[in-house]
């Protein structure tokens, strides 16, 4: 598995930093593909956890990759998301939570 400082190539899987407080993953992941899939493993959910998939063409300013807005998770578990989002950089943002002591582990794969 490549490190978080490398570019993600098609069908390689990479892990982002584990997030336990609101903020963004330490390093954005470079990728070159027409779609990207995410696996989100969440533990410690109280009422909910809110995350945002973010992309950038420059690696400086980021935007929400999903046109549906933020993603709300209401229970511990493993969740999968596929975004048809060509781009250059991607990262995950832990927007916030209600209750609990959440921990969010994210994996990504360019397709």
C-alpha atoms as a PDB file:
ATOM      1  CA  UNK A   1       0.000   0.000   0.000  1.00  0.00           C
ATOM      2  CA  UNK A   2       1.493   3.409  -0.911  1.00  0.00           C
ATOM      3  CA  UNK A   3       2.147   6.015   1.753  1.00  0.00           C
ATOM      4  CA  UNK A   4      -0.067   9.071   2.206  1.00  0.00           C
ATOM      5  CA  UNK A   5       2.522  11.259   0.458  1.00  0.00           C
ATOM      6  CA  UNK A   6       2.318   9.344  -2.818  1.00  0.00           C
ATOM      7  CA  UNK A   7      -0.125   9.546  -5.672  1.00  0.00           C
ATOM      8  CA  UNK A   8      -2.792   6.910  -5.707  1.00  0.00           C
ATOM      9  CA  UNK A   9      -2.832   4.823  -8.892  1.00  0.00           C
ATOM     10  CA  UNK A  10      -5.809   2.886 -10.182  1.00  0.00           C
ATOM     11  CA  UNK A  11      -6.877   0.064  -7.899  1.00  0.00           C
ATOM     12  CA  UNK A  12      -4.316   0.775  -5.172  1.00  0.00           C
ATOM     13  CA  UNK A  13      -5.705   1.340  -1.696  1.00  0.00           C
ATOM     14  CA  UNK A  14      -4.380   3.993   0.653  1.00  0.00           C
ATOM     15  CA  UNK A  15      -5.233   4.827   4.267  1.00  0.00           C
ATOM     16  CA  UNK A  16      -5.780   8.368   5.495  1.00  0.00           C
ATOM     17  CA  UNK A  17      -4.933   9.572   9.006  1.00  0.00           C
ATOM     18  CA  UNK A  18      -7.335   8.380  11.702  1.00  0.00           C
ATOM     19  CA  UNK A  19      -9.504  11.323  12.739  1.00  0.00           C
ATOM     20  CA  UNK A  20     -10.889  11.563  16.278  1.00  0.00           C
ATOM     21  CA  UNK A  21     -11.524  15.327  16.424  1.00  0.00           C
ATOM     22  CA  UNK A  22     -12.962  17.687  13.806  1.00  0.00           C
ATOM     23  CA  UNK A  23     -10.446  18.640  11.124  1.00  0.00           C
ATOM     24  CA  UNK A  24      -8.970  17.303   7.896  1.00  0.00           C
ATOM     25  CA  UNK A  25      -6.672  14.425   7.139  1.00  0.00           C
ATOM     26  CA  UNK A  26      -3.063  15.538   7.523  1.00  0.00           C
ATOM     27  CA  UNK A  27      -2.092  14.801   3.938  1.00  0.00           C
ATOM     28  CA  UNK A  28      -4.165  15.031   0.813  1.00  0.00           C
ATOM     29  CA  UNK A  29      -3.831  12.075  -1.524  1.00  0.00           C
ATOM     30  CA  UNK A  30      -2.997  12.657  -5.175  1.00  0.00           C
ATOM     31  CA  UNK A  31      -4.956  10.632  -7.718  1.00  0.00           C
ATOM     32  CA  UNK A  32      -5.725  10.506 -11.411  1.00  0.00           C
ATOM     33  CA  UNK A  33      -8.923   8.650 -12.210  1.00  0.00           C
ATOM     34  CA  UNK A  34     -12.533   9.250 -13.158  1.00  0.00           C
ATOM     35  CA  UNK A  35     -13.879   7.902  -9.875  1.00  0.00           C
ATOM     36  CA  UNK A  36     -12.735   7.249  -6.345  1.00  0.00           C
ATOM     37  CA  UNK A  37     -14.147   4.897  -3.728  1.00  0.00           C
ATOM     38  CA  UNK A  38     -13.942   5.304   0.031  1.00  0.00           C
ATOM     39  CA  UNK A  39     -14.268   2.865   2.904  1.00  0.00           C
ATOM     40  CA  UNK A  40     -15.109   4.596   6.185  1.00  0.00           C
ATOM     41  CA  UNK A  41     -14.716   2.632   9.429  1.00  0.00           C
ATOM     42  CA  UNK A  42     -16.360   4.466  12.326  1.00  0.00           C
ATOM     43  CA  UNK A  43     -16.389   3.608  16.026  1.00  0.00           C
ATOM     44  CA  UNK A  44     -17.573   5.504  19.085  1.00  0.00           C
ATOM     45  CA  UNK A  45     -20.585   7.174  17.451  1.00  0.00           C
ATOM     46  CA  UNK A  46     -22.963   8.801  19.945  1.00  0.00           C
ATOM     47  CA  UNK A  47     -25.841  10.335  17.951  1.00  0.00           C
ATOM     48  CA  UNK A  48     -24.004  11.056  14.690  1.00  0.00           C
ATOM     49  CA  UNK A  49     -20.730  11.842  12.931  1.00  0.00           C
ATOM     50  CA  UNK A  50     -20.550  14.246   9.976  1.00  0.00           C
ATOM     51  CA  UNK A  51     -17.833  13.855   7.328  1.00  0.00           C
ATOM     52  CA  UNK A  52     -17.072  15.529   4.001  1.00  0.00           C
ATOM     53  CA  UNK A  53     -15.152  14.171   1.027  1.00  0.00           C
ATOM     54  CA  UNK A  54     -13.067  17.034  -0.381  1.00  0.00           C
ATOM     55  CA  UNK A  55     -11.208  17.456  -3.660  1.00  0.00           C
ATOM     56  CA  UNK A  56      -8.880  19.980  -5.239  1.00  0.00           C
ATOM     57  CA  UNK A  57      -7.250  20.601  -8.586  1.00  0.00           C
ATOM     58  CA  UNK A  58      -4.450  22.665  -7.043  1.00  0.00           C
ATOM     59  CA  UNK A  59      -3.883  21.079  -3.624  1.00  0.00           C
ATOM     60  CA  UNK A  60      -4.486  24.485  -2.017  1.00  0.00           C
ATOM     61  CA  UNK A  61      -8.228  25.209  -2.006  1.00  0.00           C
ATOM     62  CA  UNK A  62     -10.658  22.339  -1.506  1.00  0.00           C
ATOM     63  CA  UNK A  63     -14.329  21.802  -2.371  1.00  0.00           C
ATOM     64  CA  UNK A  64     -16.918  19.169  -1.470  1.00  0.00           C
ATOM     65  CA  UNK A  65     -16.639  16.233  -3.873  1.00  0.00           C
ATOM     66  CA  UNK A  66     -20.222  15.120  -3.275  1.00  0.00           C
ATOM     67  CA  UNK A  67     -22.991  17.274  -4.686  1.00  0.00           C
ATOM     68  CA  UNK A  68     -25.183  15.831  -1.909  1.00  0.00           C
ATOM     69  CA  UNK A  69     -23.190  17.774   0.718  1.00  0.00           C
ATOM     70  CA  UNK A  70     -21.912  16.361   3.972  1.00  0.00           C
ATOM     71  CA  UNK A  71     -22.339  12.708   4.897  1.00  0.00           C
ATOM     72  CA  UNK A  72     -24.024  11.882   8.225  1.00  0.00           C
ATOM     73  CA  UNK A  73     -23.247   8.544   9.890  1.00  0.00           C
ATOM     74  CA  UNK A  74     -25.488   7.496  12.793  1.00  0.00           C
ATOM     75  CA  UNK A  75     -24.010   4.159  13.922  1.00  0.00           C
ATOM     76  CA  UNK A  76     -20.667   2.402  14.293  1.00  0.00           C
ATOM     77  CA  UNK A  77     -19.756   0.329  11.265  1.00  0.00           C
ATOM     78  CA  UNK A  78     -18.061   0.152   7.900  1.00  0.00           C
ATOM     79  CA  UNK A  79     -19.488   2.261   5.079  1.00  0.00           C
ATOM     80  CA  UNK A  80     -18.642   2.448   1.389  1.00  0.00           C
ATOM     81  CA  UNK A  81     -18.976   5.410  -0.974  1.00  0.00           C
ATOM     82  CA  UNK A  82     -18.251   5.714  -4.692  1.00  0.00           C
ATOM     83  CA  UNK A  83     -17.895   9.196  -6.148  1.00  0.00           C
ATOM     84  CA  UNK A  84     -17.659   9.890  -9.867  1.00  0.00           C
ATOM     85  CA  UNK A  85     -15.274  12.742  -9.209  1.00  0.00           C
ATOM     86  CA  UNK A  86     -12.303  13.174 -11.487  1.00  0.00           C
ATOM     87  CA  UNK A  87      -9.696  15.301  -9.799  1.00  0.00           C
ATOM     88  CA  UNK A  88      -6.136  15.637  -8.655  1.00  0.00           C
ATOM     89  CA  UNK A  89      -6.181  15.639  -4.820  1.00  0.00           C
ATOM     90  CA  UNK A  90      -8.562  14.204  -2.259  1.00  0.00           C
ATOM     91  CA  UNK A  91      -8.861  14.352   1.520  1.00  0.00           C
ATOM     92  CA  UNK A  92     -11.416  13.603   4.225  1.00  0.00           C
ATOM     93  CA  UNK A  93     -12.857  16.168   6.641  1.00  0.00           C
ATOM     94  CA  UNK A  94     -14.360  15.285  10.023  1.00  0.00           C
ATOM     95  CA  UNK A  95     -16.928  18.088  10.255  1.00  0.00           C
ATOM     96  CA  UNK A  96     -18.283  17.286  13.716  1.00  0.00           C
ATOM     97  CA  UNK A  97     -20.241  14.909  15.891  1.00  0.00           C
ATOM     98  CA  UNK A  98     -22.970  14.767  18.468  1.00  0.00           C
ATOM     99  CA  UNK A  99     -22.120  12.643  21.498  1.00  0.00           C
ATOM    100  CA  UNK A 100     -19.738   9.753  21.763  1.00  0.00           C
ATOM    101  CA  UNK A 101     -15.983   9.643  21.182  1.00  0.00           C
ATOM    102  CA  UNK A 102     -15.756   8.886  17.472  1.00  0.00           C
ATOM    103  CA  UNK A 103     -12.778   7.530  15.583  1.00  0.00           C
ATOM    104  CA  UNK A 104     -12.839   7.625  11.773  1.00  0.00           C
ATOM    105  CA  UNK A 105     -10.536   5.496   9.650  1.00  0.00           C
ATOM    106  CA  UNK A 106     -10.715   6.117   5.905  1.00  0.00           C
ATOM    107  CA  UNK A 107      -9.358   4.162   2.951  1.00  0.00           C
ATOM    108  CA  UNK A 108      -9.496   5.304  -0.664  1.00  0.00           C
ATOM    109  CA  UNK A 109      -9.058   3.613  -4.010  1.00  0.00           C
ATOM    110  CA  UNK A 110      -8.934   5.323  -7.416  1.00  0.00           C
ATOM    111  CA  UNK A 111     -10.957   3.534 -10.077  1.00  0.00           C
END
